[in-house]
C-alpha atoms as a PDB file:
ATOM      1  CA  MET A   1      99.872 129.247  99.781  1.00  0.00           C
ATOM      2  CA  GLY A   2     102.238 126.633 100.879  1.00  0.00           C
ATOM      3  CA  SER A   3     105.996 127.270 101.433  1.00  0.00           C
ATOM      4  CA  LYS A   4     109.221 125.341 100.899  1.00  0.00           C
ATOM      5  CA  SER A   5     109.767 125.280 104.663  1.00  0.00           C
ATOM      6  CA  SER A   6     106.440 124.007 105.760  1.00  0.00           C
ATOM      7  CA  LEU A   7     106.431 121.249 102.975  1.00  0.00           C
ATOM      8  CA  MET A   8     109.775 119.945 104.602  1.00  0.00           C
ATOM      9  CA  GLU A   9     107.549 118.555 107.135  1.00  0.00           C
ATOM     10  CA  PHE A  10     106.579 116.059 104.698  1.00  0.00           C
ATOM     11  CA  ASP A  11     109.469 113.810 104.814  1.00  0.00           C
ATOM     12  CA  LEU A  12     109.606 110.357 103.666  1.00  0.00           C
ATOM     13  CA  ASP A  13     108.884 109.051 106.977  1.00  0.00           C
ATOM     14  CA  SER A  14     105.711 111.106 107.457  1.00  0.00           C
ATOM     15  CA  PHE A  15     104.238 109.091 104.277  1.00  0.00           C
ATOM     16  CA  SER A  16     103.962 106.262 106.114  1.00  0.00           C
ATOM     17  CA  ALA A  17     102.288 107.716 109.045  1.00  0.00           C
ATOM     18  CA  ARG A  18      98.870 106.755 110.010  1.00  0.00           C
ATOM     19  CA  ASP A  19      97.124 109.887 110.627  1.00  0.00           C
ATOM     20  CA  TRP A  20      93.886 107.913 111.288  1.00  0.00           C
ATOM     21  CA  GLU A  21      95.469 105.478 113.737  1.00  0.00           C
ATOM     22  CA  ARG A  22      94.739 105.304 117.347  1.00  0.00           C
ATOM     23  CA  PRO A  23      95.930 101.922 118.882  1.00  0.00           C
ATOM     24  CA  THR A  24      93.443 100.195 121.257  1.00  0.00           C
ATOM     25  CA  ASP A  25      93.488  97.058 123.632  1.00  0.00           C
ATOM     26  CA  ALA A  26      90.395  95.627 121.770  1.00  0.00           C
ATOM     27  CA  ASP A  27      90.605  92.189 120.292  1.00  0.00           C
ATOM     28  CA  PRO A  28      91.175  92.002 116.496  1.00  0.00           C
ATOM     29  CA  VAL A  29      88.551  92.300 114.023  1.00  0.00           C
ATOM     30  CA  ARG A  30      87.575  88.835 112.783  1.00  0.00           C
ATOM     31  CA  PHE A  31      86.769  88.792 109.080  1.00  0.00           C
ATOM     32  CA  ALA A  32      84.728  86.581 106.786  1.00  0.00           C
ATOM     33  CA  MET A  33      86.292  86.760 103.351  1.00  0.00           C
ATOM     34  CA  VAL A  34      83.173  86.489 101.006  1.00  0.00           C
ATOM     35  CA  GLY A  35      84.514  85.576  97.594  1.00  0.00           C
ATOM     36  CA  LEU A  36      87.730  83.958  97.115  1.00  0.00           C
ATOM     37  CA  GLY A  37      88.806  85.037  93.394  1.00  0.00           C
ATOM     38  CA  TRP A  38      92.372  86.088  92.784  1.00  0.00           C
ATOM     39  CA  TRP A  39      92.081  89.542  94.260  1.00  0.00           C
ATOM     40  CA  THR A  40      90.946  88.327  97.657  1.00  0.00           C
ATOM     41  CA  ARG A  41      93.709  85.227  97.570  1.00  0.00           C
ATOM     42  CA  GLU A  42      96.666  87.384  96.365  1.00  0.00           C
ATOM     43  CA  HIS A  43      95.849  90.708  97.960  1.00  0.00           C
ATOM     44  CA  ALA A  44      93.230  90.847 100.604  1.00  0.00           C
ATOM     45  CA  ILE A  45      94.237  87.601 102.476  1.00  0.00           C
ATOM     46  CA  PRO A  46      98.067  88.340 102.741  1.00  0.00           C
ATOM     47  CA  ALA A  47      97.134  92.103 103.861  1.00  0.00           C
ATOM     48  CA  VAL A  48      95.176  90.864 106.683  1.00  0.00           C
ATOM     49  CA  GLU A  49      97.730  88.236 107.626  1.00  0.00           C
ATOM     50  CA  ASN A  50     100.253  91.158 108.026  1.00  0.00           C
ATOM     51  CA  ALA A  51      97.448  93.714 109.602  1.00  0.00           C
ATOM     52  CA  ASP A  52      97.807  95.037 113.103  1.00  0.00           C
ATOM     53  CA  TYR A  53      94.098  95.167 113.961  1.00  0.00           C
ATOM     54  CA  CYS A  54      92.226  92.185 112.194  1.00  0.00           C
ATOM     55  CA  THR A  55      92.480  88.680 111.293  1.00  0.00           C
ATOM     56  CA  THR A  56      90.799  86.228 108.942  1.00  0.00           C
ATOM     57  CA  THR A  57      88.657  83.472 110.564  1.00  0.00           C
ATOM     58  CA  VAL A  58      85.903  82.406 107.851  1.00  0.00           C
ATOM     59  CA  LEU A  59      86.200  81.730 104.260  1.00  0.00           C
ATOM     60  CA  VAL A  60      83.166  81.857 102.003  1.00  0.00           C
ATOM     61  CA  SER A  61      82.966  80.882  98.299  1.00  0.00           C
ATOM     62  CA  SER A  62      80.785  79.008  95.730  1.00  0.00           C
ATOM     63  CA  SER A  63      81.773  75.777  97.033  1.00  0.00           C
ATOM     64  CA  THR A  64      83.091  74.201 100.137  1.00  0.00           C
ATOM     65  CA  GLU A  65      85.953  72.718  98.375  1.00  0.00           C
ATOM     66  CA  LYS A  66      87.153  75.965  97.121  1.00  0.00           C
ATOM     67  CA  ALA A  67      87.125  77.629 100.773  1.00  0.00           C
ATOM     68  CA  GLU A  68      88.892  74.479 102.243  1.00  0.00           C
ATOM     69  CA  GLU A  69      91.399  74.558  99.505  1.00  0.00           C
ATOM     70  CA  VAL A  70      92.256  78.114 100.263  1.00  0.00           C
ATOM     71  CA  ALA A  71      92.163  77.412 104.053  1.00  0.00           C
ATOM     72  CA  THR A  72      94.879  74.912 103.831  1.00  0.00           C
ATOM     73  CA  ASP A  73      97.756  77.701 103.353  1.00  0.00           C
ATOM     74  CA  LEU A  74      96.339  79.686 106.373  1.00  0.00           C
ATOM     75  CA  GLU A  75      96.106  79.359 110.100  1.00  0.00           C
ATOM     76  CA  GLY A  76      92.980  80.321 112.328  1.00  0.00           C
ATOM     77  CA  ILE A  77      90.371  79.616 109.882  1.00  0.00           C
ATOM     78  CA  GLU A  78      87.311  78.554 111.768  1.00  0.00           C
ATOM     79  CA  GLY A  79      84.769  78.025 109.005  1.00  0.00           C
ATOM     80  CA  THR A  80      84.642  77.116 105.345  1.00  0.00           C
ATOM     81  CA  LEU A  81      81.167  78.199 104.059  1.00  0.00           C
ATOM     82  CA  THR A  82      79.166  78.181 100.736  1.00  0.00           C
ATOM     83  CA  TYR A  83      77.356  81.353  99.786  1.00  0.00           C
ATOM     84  CA  ASP A  84      74.261  79.705 100.733  1.00  0.00           C
ATOM     85  CA  GLU A  85      75.395  78.642 103.887  1.00  0.00           C
ATOM     86  CA  TYR A  86      76.796  82.124 104.709  1.00  0.00           C
ATOM     87  CA  ALA A  87      73.565  83.887 103.924  1.00  0.00           C
ATOM     88  CA  ASP A  88      71.734  81.088 106.284  1.00  0.00           C
ATOM     89  CA  GLY A  89      73.735  82.643 109.153  1.00  0.00           C
ATOM     90  CA  ALA A  90      76.395  79.538 109.828  1.00  0.00           C
ATOM     91  CA  ALA A  91      79.363  80.337 111.727  1.00  0.00           C
ATOM     92  CA  THR A  92      78.408  83.877 112.630  1.00  0.00           C
ATOM     93  CA  ASP A  93      79.884  83.593 116.092  1.00  0.00           C
ATOM     94  CA  ALA A  94      83.292  83.187 114.201  1.00  0.00           C
ATOM     95  CA  TYR A  95      83.483  86.512 112.534  1.00  0.00           C
ATOM     96  CA  ASP A  96      82.651  90.205 113.457  1.00  0.00           C
ATOM     97  CA  ALA A  97      82.819  91.653 109.731  1.00  0.00           C
ATOM     98  CA  VAL A  98      82.658  90.728 106.201  1.00  0.00           C
ATOM     99  CA  TYR A  99      84.852  91.771 103.136  1.00  0.00           C
ATOM    100  CA  ILE A 100      82.893  91.507  99.948  1.00  0.00           C
ATOM    101  CA  CYS A 101      84.791  90.752  96.675  1.00  0.00           C
ATOM    102  CA  THR A 102      82.424  88.900  94.293  1.00  0.00           C
ATOM    103  CA  PRO A 103      81.327  90.056  90.933  1.00  0.00           C
ATOM    104  CA  ASN A 104      79.703  93.280  91.331  1.00  0.00           C
ATOM    105  CA  GLY A 105      76.393  92.116  90.513  1.00  0.00           C
ATOM    106  CA  LEU A 106      76.379  89.886  93.463  1.00  0.00           C
ATOM    107  CA  HIS A 107      77.258  92.494  96.073  1.00  0.00           C
ATOM    108  CA  ARG A 108      73.592  93.321  97.109  1.00  0.00           C
ATOM    109  CA  ASP A 109      72.861  89.804  98.250  1.00  0.00           C
ATOM    110  CA  HIS A 110      76.059  89.325 100.181  1.00  0.00           C
ATOM    111  CA  VAL A 111      75.698  92.726 101.786  1.00  0.00           C
ATOM    112  CA  GLU A 112      72.221  92.258 102.860  1.00  0.00           C
ATOM    113  CA  ALA A 113      72.886  88.945 104.361  1.00  0.00           C
ATOM    114  CA  ALA A 114      75.902  90.449 106.453  1.00  0.00           C
ATOM    115  CA  ALA A 115      73.478  93.554 107.533  1.00  0.00           C
ATOM    116  CA  ALA A 116      70.819  90.669 108.619  1.00  0.00           C
ATOM    117  CA  HIS A 117      73.328  88.997 110.675  1.00  0.00           C
ATOM    118  CA  ASP A 118      74.507  92.453 112.096  1.00  0.00           C
ATOM    119  CA  LYS A 119      78.009  92.447 110.795  1.00  0.00           C
ATOM    120  CA  ALA A 120      80.146  95.363 109.815  1.00  0.00           C
ATOM    121  CA  ILE A 121      80.799  95.395 106.036  1.00  0.00           C
ATOM    122  CA  LEU A 122      83.673  96.342 103.734  1.00  0.00           C
ATOM    123  CA  CYS A 123      82.608  96.076 100.426  1.00  0.00           C
ATOM    124  CA  GLU A 124      84.672  96.317  97.071  1.00  0.00           C
ATOM    125  CA  LYS A 125      84.033  99.031  94.453  1.00  0.00           C
ATOM    126  CA  PRO A 126      81.853  99.823  92.570  1.00  0.00           C
ATOM    127  CA  LEU A 127      79.164  99.105  95.039  1.00  0.00           C
ATOM    128  CA  GLU A 128      76.970  97.211  92.738  1.00  0.00           C
ATOM    129  CA  ALA A 129      76.397  96.645  88.857  1.00  0.00           C
ATOM    130  CA  THR A 130      73.320  98.920  88.874  1.00  0.00           C
ATOM    131  CA  VAL A 131      72.609 102.315  90.972  1.00  0.00           C
ATOM    132  CA  GLU A 132      69.240 100.822  92.092  1.00  0.00           C
ATOM    133  CA  ASN A 133      71.074  97.546  93.409  1.00  0.00           C
ATOM    134  CA  ALA A 134      73.542  99.725  95.156  1.00  0.00           C
ATOM    135  CA  GLN A 135      70.940 102.038  96.714  1.00  0.00           C
ATOM    136  CA  ALA A 136      69.057  98.844  98.006  1.00  0.00           C
ATOM    137  CA  LEU A 137      72.273  97.490  99.775  1.00  0.00           C
ATOM    138  CA  VAL A 138      72.911 101.013 101.365  1.00  0.00           C
ATOM    139  CA  ASP A 139      69.573 101.190 102.582  1.00  0.00           C
ATOM    140  CA  ALA A 140      69.901  97.590 104.187  1.00  0.00           C
ATOM    141  CA  CYS A 141      72.768  98.619 106.014  1.00  0.00           C
ATOM    142  CA  ARG A 142      71.005 101.724 107.171  1.00  0.00           C
ATOM    143  CA  GLU A 143      67.997 100.118 108.259  1.00  0.00           C
ATOM    144  CA  ALA A 144      70.220  97.531 110.230  1.00  0.00           C
ATOM    145  CA  ASP A 145      72.325 100.322 111.663  1.00  0.00           C
ATOM    146  CA  VAL A 146      75.561  98.193 110.507  1.00  0.00           C
ATOM    147  CA  PRO A 147      78.771 100.021 109.509  1.00  0.00           C
ATOM    148  CA  LEU A 148      79.217 100.191 105.636  1.00  0.00           C
ATOM    149  CA  MET A 149      82.600 101.098 104.186  1.00  0.00           C
ATOM    150  CA  VAL A 150      83.280 101.162 100.385  1.00  0.00           C
ATOM    151  CA  ALA A 151      86.641  99.820  99.574  1.00  0.00           C
ATOM    152  CA  TYR A 152      88.446 102.926  98.071  1.00  0.00           C
ATOM    153  CA  ARG A 153      91.948 101.847  99.368  1.00  0.00           C
ATOM    154  CA  LEU A 154      93.350 105.272  97.808  1.00  0.00           C
ATOM    155  CA  GLN A 155      91.496 106.989 100.502  1.00  0.00           C
ATOM    156  CA  THR A 156      93.821 105.215 103.153  1.00  0.00           C
ATOM    157  CA  GLU A 157      97.139 105.532 100.784  1.00  0.00           C
ATOM    158  CA  PRO A 158      99.601 107.789 102.612  1.00  0.00           C
ATOM    159  CA  VAL A 159     100.703 109.688  99.467  1.00  0.00           C
ATOM    160  CA  ALA A 160      96.806 110.480  98.498  1.00  0.00           C
ATOM    161  CA  ARG A 161      96.227 111.721 101.980  1.00  0.00           C
ATOM    162  CA  ARG A 162      99.254 113.955 101.855  1.00  0.00           C
ATOM    163  CA  ALA A 163      98.433 115.256  98.541  1.00  0.00           C
ATOM    164  CA  ARG A 164      94.968 116.206  99.802  1.00  0.00           C
ATOM    165  CA  GLU A 165      96.572 118.084 102.835  1.00  0.00           C
ATOM    166  CA  LEU A 166      98.930 119.903 100.378  1.00  0.00           C
ATOM    167  CA  ILE A 167      96.212 121.106  98.053  1.00  0.00           C
ATOM    168  CA  ARG A 168      93.931 121.924 100.904  1.00  0.00           C
ATOM    169  CA  ASP A 169      96.480 124.007 102.572  1.00  0.00           C
ATOM    170  CA  GLY A 170      96.854 126.151  99.176  1.00  0.00           C
ATOM    171  CA  ALA A 171     100.345 124.577  98.318  1.00  0.00           C
ATOM    172  CA  ILE A 172      99.520 125.370  94.512  1.00  0.00           C
ATOM    173  CA  GLY A 173      96.827 128.012  94.965  1.00  0.00           C
ATOM    174  CA  ASN A 174      93.308 127.179  93.432  1.00  0.00           C
ATOM    175  CA  VAL A 175      92.973 123.992  91.329  1.00  0.00           C
ATOM    176  CA  VAL A 176      92.088 124.808  87.643  1.00  0.00           C
ATOM    177  CA  SER A 177      92.577 121.751  85.824  1.00  0.00           C
ATOM    178  CA  ILE A 178      93.358 117.821  86.554  1.00  0.00           C
ATOM    179  CA  LEU A 179      94.716 115.113  84.392  1.00  0.00           C
ATOM    180  CA  GLY A 180      94.037 111.287  85.167  1.00  0.00           C
ATOM    181  CA  HIS A 181      95.195 108.103  83.675  1.00  0.00           C
ATOM    182  CA  MET A 182      95.187 104.463  84.454  1.00  0.00           C
ATOM    183  CA  SER A 183      95.721 101.388  82.195  1.00  0.00           C
ATOM    184  CA  ASP A 184      96.323  97.932  82.433  1.00  0.00           C
ATOM    185  CA  THR A 185      96.105  94.572  80.316  1.00  0.00           C
ATOM    186  CA  ILE A 186      93.133  92.741  81.815  1.00  0.00           C
ATOM    187  CA  LEU A 187      93.187  90.040  78.913  1.00  0.00           C
ATOM    188  CA  ASP A 188      96.574  89.010  80.254  1.00  0.00           C
ATOM    189  CA  ALA A 189      94.743  87.727  83.389  1.00  0.00           C
ATOM    190  CA  ALA A 190      91.356  87.148  82.238  1.00  0.00           C
ATOM    191  CA  ASP A 191      89.743  85.456  79.126  1.00  0.00           C
ATOM    192  CA  GLU A 192      86.397  86.845  77.333  1.00  0.00           C
ATOM    193  CA  THR A 193      84.275  84.578  79.475  1.00  0.00           C
ATOM    194  CA  SER A 194      85.233  86.458  82.533  1.00  0.00           C
ATOM    195  CA  TRP A 195      82.291  88.093  84.545  1.00  0.00           C
ATOM    196  CA  ARG A 196      83.923  91.428  83.856  1.00  0.00           C
ATOM    197  CA  PHE A 197      82.642  91.242  80.249  1.00  0.00           C
ATOM    198  CA  ASP A 198      79.141  90.367  81.464  1.00  0.00           C
ATOM    199  CA  PRO A 199      77.094  93.681  81.735  1.00  0.00           C
ATOM    200  CA  ASP A 200      74.716  92.105  84.176  1.00  0.00           C
ATOM    201  CA  LEU A 201      77.658  90.939  86.655  1.00  0.00           C
ATOM    202  CA  ALA A 202      79.955  93.884  85.976  1.00  0.00           C
ATOM    203  CA  GLY A 203      77.763  96.910  85.013  1.00  0.00           C
ATOM    204  CA  GLY A 204      80.356  97.808  82.517  1.00  0.00           C
ATOM    205  CA  THR A 205      83.912  96.791  81.736  1.00  0.00           C
ATOM    206  CA  THR A 206      86.462  99.868  81.978  1.00  0.00           C
ATOM    207  CA  LEU A 207      84.803 103.018  83.155  1.00  0.00           C
ATOM    208  CA  ASN A 208      83.438 101.629  86.283  1.00  0.00           C
ATOM    209  CA  ASP A 209      86.082  99.181  86.800  1.00  0.00           C
ATOM    210  CA  ILE A 210      89.244 101.268  86.568  1.00  0.00           C
ATOM    211  CA  GLY A 211      87.684 104.804  85.682  1.00  0.00           C
ATOM    212  CA  ILE A 212      86.343 104.731  89.188  1.00  0.00           C
ATOM    213  CA  TYR A 213      89.959 104.810  90.327  1.00  0.00           C
ATOM    214  CA  PRO A 214      90.772 108.680  89.069  1.00  0.00           C
ATOM    215  CA  LEU A 215      87.069 109.505  89.643  1.00  0.00           C
ATOM    216  CA  ASN A 216      86.951 108.711  93.271  1.00  0.00           C
ATOM    217  CA  THR A 217      90.497 109.843  94.054  1.00  0.00           C
ATOM    218  CA  ILE A 218      89.915 113.210  92.373  1.00  0.00           C
ATOM    219  CA  ARG A 219      86.788 113.652  94.608  1.00  0.00           C
ATOM    220  CA  PHE A 220      88.792 112.583  97.551  1.00  0.00           C
ATOM    221  CA  ILE A 221      91.596 114.787  97.029  1.00  0.00           C
ATOM    222  CA  LEU A 222      89.591 117.955  96.036  1.00  0.00           C
ATOM    223  CA  GLU A 223      86.906 117.104  98.739  1.00  0.00           C
ATOM    224  CA  GLU A 224      84.481 118.186  95.907  1.00  0.00           C
ATOM    225  CA  ASP A 225      81.639 116.176  93.658  1.00  0.00           C
ATOM    226  CA  PRO A 226      81.172 117.057  89.809  1.00  0.00           C
ATOM    227  CA  GLN A 227      78.020 118.635  88.717  1.00  0.00           C
ATOM    228  CA  ALA A 228      78.185 117.538  85.121  1.00  0.00           C
ATOM    229  CA  VAL A 229      80.318 114.939  82.916  1.00  0.00           C
ATOM    230  CA  TYR A 230      81.210 114.095  79.268  1.00  0.00           C
ATOM    231  CA  ALA A 231      82.300 110.713  78.129  1.00  0.00           C
ATOM    232  CA  ARG A 232      83.403 108.743  75.136  1.00  0.00           C
ATOM    233  CA  THR A 233      84.020 105.147  74.935  1.00  0.00           C
ATOM    234  CA  GLU A 234      85.668 102.842  72.275  1.00  0.00           C
ATOM    235  CA  SER A 235      85.781  99.110  71.788  1.00  0.00           C
ATOM    236  CA  GLU A 236      88.257  97.273  69.159  1.00  0.00           C
ATOM    237  CA  GLN A 237      88.983  93.601  70.574  1.00  0.00           C
ATOM    238  CA  PRO A 238      86.065  91.049  70.174  1.00  0.00           C
ATOM    239  CA  ALA A 239      86.152  90.519  74.099  1.00  0.00           C
ATOM    240  CA  TYR A 240      84.784  93.901  74.282  1.00  0.00           C
ATOM    241  CA  GLU A 241      81.958  93.744  71.828  1.00  0.00           C
ATOM    242  CA  GLY A 242      78.829  95.671  73.468  1.00  0.00           C
ATOM    243  CA  THR A 243      80.913  97.205  76.429  1.00  0.00           C
ATOM    244  CA  ASP A 244      83.817  99.492  76.749  1.00  0.00           C
ATOM    245  CA  GLU A 245      87.721  99.000  76.142  1.00  0.00           C
ATOM    246  CA  HIS A 246      88.842 102.650  76.215  1.00  0.00           C
ATOM    247  CA  ALA A 247      87.354 105.745  77.815  1.00  0.00           C
ATOM    248  CA  ALA A 248      88.018 109.380  78.157  1.00  0.00           C
ATOM    249  CA  PHE A 249      85.906 111.502  80.335  1.00  0.00           C
ATOM    250  CA  GLN A 250      85.502 115.087  81.710  1.00  0.00           C
ATOM    251  CA  LEU A 251      84.303 115.932  85.163  1.00  0.00           C
ATOM    252  CA  GLU A 252      83.149 119.303  85.899  1.00  0.00           C
ATOM    253  CA  PHE A 253      82.966 120.959  89.458  1.00  0.00           C
ATOM    254  CA  PRO A 254      80.970 123.637  90.764  1.00  0.00           C
ATOM    255  CA  ASP A 255      84.088 126.001  90.944  1.00  0.00           C
ATOM    256  CA  GLY A 256      84.883 125.683  87.496  1.00  0.00           C
ATOM    257  CA  THR A 257      87.847 122.949  88.143  1.00  0.00           C
ATOM    258  CA  LEU A 258      87.729 120.579  85.083  1.00  0.00           C
ATOM    259  CA  ALA A 259      89.329 117.143  85.123  1.00  0.00           C
ATOM    260  CA  SER A 260      90.101 115.063  82.135  1.00  0.00           C
ATOM    261  CA  CYS A 261      90.650 111.463  82.501  1.00  0.00           C
ATOM    262  CA  THR A 262      91.552 108.442  80.309  1.00  0.00           C
ATOM    263  CA  VAL A 263      91.369 104.733  81.015  1.00  0.00           C
ATOM    264  CA  THR A 264      91.773 101.507  79.059  1.00  0.00           C
ATOM    265  CA  HIS A 265      91.984  97.885  79.721  1.00  0.00           C
ATOM    266  CA  SER A 266      94.339  97.304  76.659  1.00  0.00           C
ATOM    267  CA  ALA A 267      97.541  99.256  77.337  1.00  0.00           C
ATOM    268  CA  THR A 268     100.644  99.303  79.502  1.00  0.00           C
ATOM    269  CA  VAL A 269     100.141  99.171  83.300  1.00  0.00           C
ATOM    270  CA  THR A 270     100.610 102.643  84.418  1.00  0.00           C
ATOM    271  CA  SER A 271      98.752 105.318  86.259  1.00  0.00           C
ATOM    272  CA  SER A 272      98.953 109.032  86.986  1.00  0.00           C
ATOM    273  CA  LEU A 273      97.176 112.062  88.555  1.00  0.00           C
ATOM    274  CA  ARG A 274      98.257 115.819  87.928  1.00  0.00           C
ATOM    275  CA  PHE A 275      96.500 118.814  89.399  1.00  0.00           C
ATOM    276  CA  VAL A 276      97.375 122.170  87.759  1.00  0.00           C
ATOM    277  CA  GLY A 277      96.765 125.247  89.883  1.00  0.00           C
ATOM    278  CA  THR A 278      97.060 129.104  90.113  1.00  0.00           C
ATOM    279  CA  GLU A 279     100.358 128.927  91.905  1.00  0.00           C
ATOM    280  CA  GLY A 280     101.935 125.607  90.659  1.00  0.00           C
ATOM    281  CA  GLU A 281     101.251 122.043  90.203  1.00  0.00           C
ATOM    282  CA  LEU A 282     101.092 118.607  92.079  1.00  0.00           C
ATOM    283  CA  SER A 283     101.661 115.263  90.300  1.00  0.00           C
ATOM    284  CA  ILE A 284     101.729 111.542  91.478  1.00  0.00           C
ATOM    285  CA  GLU A 285     103.000 108.657  89.601  1.00  0.00           C
ATOM    286  CA  GLY A 286     101.995 105.240  90.131  1.00  0.00           C
ATOM    287  CA  LEU A 287      99.240 105.947  92.460  1.00  0.00           C
ATOM    288  CA  PHE A 288      96.253 103.665  91.555  1.00  0.00           C
ATOM    289  CA  PHE A 289      98.209 100.211  91.658  1.00  0.00           C
ATOM    290  CA  PRO A 290      98.773  98.517  95.053  1.00  0.00           C
ATOM    291  CA  ASN A 291     102.508  97.899  96.311  1.00  0.00           C
ATOM    292  CA  THR A 292     103.879 100.205  93.543  1.00  0.00           C
ATOM    293  CA  ARG A 293     106.626 102.992  93.820  1.00  0.00           C
ATOM    294  CA  LYS A 294     104.918 106.262  94.162  1.00  0.00           C
ATOM    295  CA  VAL A 295     106.489 109.603  93.123  1.00  0.00           C
ATOM    296  CA  LEU A 296     104.737 112.807  94.271  1.00  0.00           C
ATOM    297  CA  ARG A 297     105.905 116.206  92.845  1.00  0.00           C
ATOM    298  CA  VAL A 298     105.167 119.621  93.847  1.00  0.00           C
ATOM    299  CA  SER A 299     106.160 122.722  92.316  1.00  0.00           C
ATOM    300  CA  GLY A 300     105.412 126.473  92.731  1.00  0.00           C
ATOM    301  CA  PRO A 301     106.794 129.976  93.372  1.00  0.00           C
ATOM    302  CA  ASP A 302     108.057 128.742  96.703  1.00  0.00           C
ATOM    303  CA  ILE A 303     108.119 124.940  96.327  1.00  0.00           C
ATOM    304  CA  GLU A 304     110.269 122.655  94.267  1.00  0.00           C
ATOM    305  CA  SER A 305     110.104 119.049  95.995  1.00  0.00           C
ATOM    306  CA  GLU A 306     109.923 115.545  94.796  1.00  0.00           C
ATOM    307  CA  TYR A 307     109.131 112.545  97.232  1.00  0.00           C
ATOM    308  CA  GLN A 308     109.522 108.883  96.745  1.00  0.00           C
ATOM    309  CA  PRO A 309     108.472 106.965  99.918  1.00  0.00           C
ATOM    310  CA  GLU A 310     108.820 103.296 100.509  1.00  0.00           C
ATOM    311  CA  PRO A 311     105.517 101.776  99.064  1.00  0.00           C
ATOM    312  CA  VAL A 312     102.939 100.660 101.791  1.00  0.00           C
ATOM    313  CA  ASP A 313     100.587  97.738 101.084  1.00  0.00           C
ATOM    314  CA  GLN A 314      97.436  99.709 100.179  1.00  0.00           C
ATOM    315  CA  MET A 315      95.138  96.708 101.092  1.00  0.00           C
ATOM    316  CA  ARG A 316      96.721  96.465 104.632  1.00  0.00           C
ATOM    317  CA  GLU A 317      96.231 100.119 105.117  1.00  0.00           C
ATOM    318  CA  GLU A 318      92.602  99.899 104.280  1.00  0.00           C
ATOM    319  CA  PHE A 319      91.785  96.722 106.389  1.00  0.00           C
ATOM    320  CA  ASP A 320      93.751  98.154 109.432  1.00  0.00           C
ATOM    321  CA  TYR A 321      91.886 101.524 109.069  1.00  0.00           C
ATOM    322  CA  PHE A 322      88.531  99.911 108.817  1.00  0.00           C
ATOM    323  CA  ALA A 323      89.315  97.450 112.013  1.00  0.00           C
ATOM    324  CA  ASN A 324      90.871 100.322 113.944  1.00  0.00           C
ATOM    325  CA  ARG A 325      87.604 102.202 113.426  1.00  0.00           C
ATOM    326  CA  LEU A 326      85.308  99.417 114.528  1.00  0.00           C
ATOM    327  CA  GLN A 327      87.572  98.911 117.590  1.00  0.00           C
ATOM    328  CA  ARG A 328      87.277 102.502 118.667  1.00  0.00           C
ATOM    329  CA  GLY A 329      83.395 102.261 117.955  1.00  0.00           C
ATOM    330  CA  LEU A 330      83.569 104.816 115.099  1.00  0.00           C
ATOM    331  CA  ASP A 331      81.967 104.376 111.624  1.00  0.00           C
ATOM    332  CA  PRO A 332      84.525 103.919 108.868  1.00  0.00           C
ATOM    333  CA  GLU A 333      84.412 106.166 105.757  1.00  0.00           C
ATOM    334  CA  PRO A 334      84.094 106.103 102.876  1.00  0.00           C
ATOM    335  CA  ASP A 335      80.428 105.075 103.730  1.00  0.00           C
ATOM    336  CA  GLY A 336      77.624 104.025 101.418  1.00  0.00           C
ATOM    337  CA  GLU A 337      76.411 107.346 100.660  1.00  0.00           C
ATOM    338  CA  HIS A 338      80.058 108.532  99.390  1.00  0.00           C
ATOM    339  CA  GLY A 339      79.898 105.156  97.104  1.00  0.00           C
ATOM    340  CA  MET A 340      76.406 106.026  95.592  1.00  0.00           C
ATOM    341  CA  ILE A 341      77.861 109.341  94.189  1.00  0.00           C
ATOM    342  CA  ASP A 342      80.289 107.274  92.222  1.00  0.00           C
ATOM    343  CA  MET A 343      77.414 104.977  91.251  1.00  0.00           C
ATOM    344  CA  ARG A 344      75.501 107.908  89.768  1.00  0.00           C
ATOM    345  CA  VAL A 345      78.471 109.453  88.267  1.00  0.00           C
ATOM    346  CA  ILE A 346      79.364 106.316  86.391  1.00  0.00           C
ATOM    347  CA  ARG A 347      75.719 105.804  85.119  1.00  0.00           C
ATOM    348  CA  ALA A 348      75.993 109.460  83.891  1.00  0.00           C
ATOM    349  CA  LEU A 349      79.266 108.708  82.069  1.00  0.00           C
ATOM    350  CA  TYR A 350      77.908 105.997  80.337  1.00  0.00           C
ATOM    351  CA  GLU A 351      74.923 107.889  79.375  1.00  0.00           C
ATOM    352  CA  SER A 352      77.099 110.708  78.006  1.00  0.00           C
ATOM    353  CA  ALA A 353      79.216 108.150  75.933  1.00  0.00           C
ATOM    354  CA  GLU A 354      75.732 106.590  74.709  1.00  0.00           C
ATOM    355  CA  ARG A 355      74.256 110.003  73.643  1.00  0.00           C
ATOM    356  CA  GLY A 356      77.604 111.715  72.746  1.00  0.00           C
ATOM    357  CA  GLN A 357      76.366 114.685  74.911  1.00  0.00           C
ATOM    358  CA  ARG A 358      77.298 116.447  78.265  1.00  0.00           C
ATOM    359  CA  VAL A 359      75.129 115.153  81.148  1.00  0.00           C
ATOM    360  CA  THR A 360      74.286 117.189  84.414  1.00  0.00           C
ATOM    361  CA  LEU A 361      74.406 115.303  87.817  1.00  0.00           C
ATOM    362  CA  ASP A 362      71.641 115.818  90.309  1.00  0.00           C
ATOM    363  CA  LEU A 363      73.770 114.227  93.402  1.00  0.00           C
END
């Protein structure tokens, strides 16, 4: 069990420490940004502009015009490509790795193209719209022997990493139950014609879009995978006809730990994660959104601590981690097999919601 004295080592400065970082003299990793939607333009590209170990040199979009428009505000861009030009191998000497942020159902084609060109790959989550296509792109990377990292930015978020250390060290005893929540208002940023409401492109709307945040972060912090799930989904607004707007789900872990989570695309922007153990509890507010204030609280017989570190740019941490691993000749994590577990769990959650029954997992 942790103690107050040992926890004092986790001061505010330590939350920004990059425990994964090993500086090198290697050249920056050059990225091709594949997909220039709002997330890439507003989060990924600015993160790389401020990064220590990588840079953006190629932009890939549905049209040359769109890529060139984005390029006008950037320095160091060596190529502006269409998806077809990228797939055909144009400008492959101008980039070392790709960041893929397109609709989920298009990930496979873009990953397979990158693998064919022998490029390292950072692919947004979820891996694909279906388990089958996700497995195909993972197999393509394995056969080509190229690194594939799934963009779970919470795994390089210092607060999540410290929470994992505390729980691993027994700060709250054995974890018994977990409560997770994430919500936003997606229709404030997109209308019902968005690809997010198209099952073929998205694979689902809420469970696989934001439900994946508590799901994967719980897996990461516990260092365990669920063995069974139960889920329920509801939809109210017309845009969600045939898909999910709100969801509640449970994850059962082999040691008896039970996680209960709620997610919705139609509520105020907020997120939280709470672990209750035999000796105390650990909670994190604001964890799942980038650049927001995080508050971590730990309490127990010998512990009563609250931490509010300065926010880090989660995307910058993710890109720098990925690039730093490549510079050192190491495969980045989480890899494709890790991402496949979430794909199978999400499929089971939708199956459970449809059948109204608990579903066991064979991971």
